[in-house]
Amino acid sequence: MGIIVWLIVGAIAGWLAGLIVKGAGLGLLGNIIVGIVGAVVAGWLLPRLGIVIGGGVIAEIVNAAIGGIIVLVILSLIRRA
C-alpha cells in the first residue's frame, strides 16, 4: 500500500511542479518520477534550511512539489546548456 501512496503523491507533486514551472512538464510518467525525486530532494534539503511544513499527506505533497520545482528548474537549466 505504501508504494501506491508514493506514486499518487509523486504524481500530484510532479503535476503541480509542471504547472508552476511552465514548459518543463515531462508527461504523466515523467511527472511521477519528478515528484518522487522531488520528495527525496525536499526531504533532504528543507530540514537543512530549517523549513518544516508539518505532517500529513498534504504536507508531503507540498514538500514533494517544492522538491519537484527544484528538480524541474535544474533540468530546464541543463537542457538549455
Protein backbone atom coordinates (compact mmCIF):
# COMPACT_ATOMS: atom_id res chain seq x y z
CA MET A 1 0.00 0.00 0.00
CA GLY A 2 2.91 2.37 0.70
CA ILE A 3 4.16 2.28 -2.90
CA ILE A 4 0.74 3.26 -4.20
CA VAL A 5 0.68 6.27 -1.88
CA TRP A 6 4.19 7.26 -3.03
CA LEU A 7 3.07 7.07 -6.66
CA ILE A 8 -0.04 9.14 -6.00
CA VAL A 9 1.86 11.77 -4.01
CA GLY A 10 4.59 11.79 -6.67
CA ALA A 11 2.06 12.20 -9.47
CA ILE A 12 0.28 15.07 -7.74
CA ALA A 13 3.53 16.80 -6.78
CA GLY A 14 5.01 16.34 -10.26
CA TRP A 15 1.84 17.68 -11.86
CA LEU A 16 1.90 20.74 -9.56
CA ALA A 17 5.59 21.32 -10.26
CA GLY A 18 4.92 21.02 -14.01
CA LEU A 19 2.18 23.66 -13.74
CA ILE A 20 4.37 26.04 -11.78
CA VAL A 21 7.48 25.63 -13.96
CA LYS A 22 5.94 26.34 -17.36
CA GLY A 23 7.26 24.35 -20.30
CA ALA A 24 9.07 21.79 -18.17
CA GLY A 25 6.35 19.14 -17.88
CA LEU A 26 7.52 15.65 -18.76
CA GLY A 27 4.24 13.79 -19.20
CA LEU A 28 2.49 11.59 -16.65
CA LEU A 29 5.32 9.11 -16.03
CA GLY A 30 7.93 11.86 -16.06
CA ASN A 31 5.88 13.91 -13.60
CA ILE A 32 5.59 10.93 -11.25
CA ILE A 33 9.35 10.45 -11.37
CA VAL A 34 9.97 14.18 -10.86
CA GLY A 35 7.56 14.16 -7.90
CA ILE A 36 9.29 11.19 -6.26
CA VAL A 37 12.77 12.59 -6.88
CA GLY A 38 11.50 15.96 -5.69
CA ALA A 39 10.23 14.38 -2.47
CA VAL A 40 13.68 12.95 -1.84
CA VAL A 41 15.35 16.28 -2.64
CA ALA A 42 12.95 18.23 -0.43
CA GLY A 43 13.22 15.65 2.35
CA TRP A 44 16.97 16.19 2.38
CA LEU A 45 17.19 19.93 1.63
CA LEU A 46 14.32 21.57 3.52
CA PRO A 47 15.25 20.38 7.04
CA ARG A 48 18.82 21.58 6.45
CA LEU A 49 17.42 25.02 5.62
CA GLY A 50 15.28 24.96 8.76
CA ILE A 51 11.98 24.69 6.87
CA VAL A 52 9.39 22.37 8.41
CA ILE A 53 5.95 22.31 6.80
CA GLY A 54 4.25 19.88 9.18
CA GLY A 55 2.86 16.39 8.86
CA GLY A 56 0.23 14.57 6.88
CA VAL A 57 -0.38 13.85 3.24
CA ILE A 58 -0.90 17.50 2.27
CA ALA A 59 2.47 18.45 3.78
CA GLU A 60 4.09 15.55 1.91
CA ILE A 61 2.57 16.79 -1.36
CA VAL A 62 3.75 20.36 -0.69
CA ASN A 63 7.26 19.15 0.21
CA ALA A 64 7.42 16.94 -2.89
CA ALA A 65 6.10 19.77 -5.08
CA ILE A 66 8.80 22.12 -3.76
CA GLY A 67 11.41 19.48 -4.49
CA GLY A 68 9.86 18.82 -7.90
CA ILE A 69 10.07 22.51 -8.75
CA ILE A 70 13.75 22.47 -7.79
CA VAL A 71 14.33 19.37 -9.94
CA LEU A 72 12.45 20.84 -12.94
CA VAL A 73 14.36 24.12 -12.75
CA ILE A 74 17.66 22.25 -12.66
CA LEU A 75 16.56 20.04 -15.58
CA SER A 76 15.48 23.06 -17.64
CA LEU A 77 18.83 24.75 -16.97
CA ILE A 78 20.67 21.61 -18.08
CA ARG A 79 18.57 21.35 -21.24
CA ARG A 80 19.35 24.95 -22.19
CA ALA A 81 23.10 24.46 -21.78
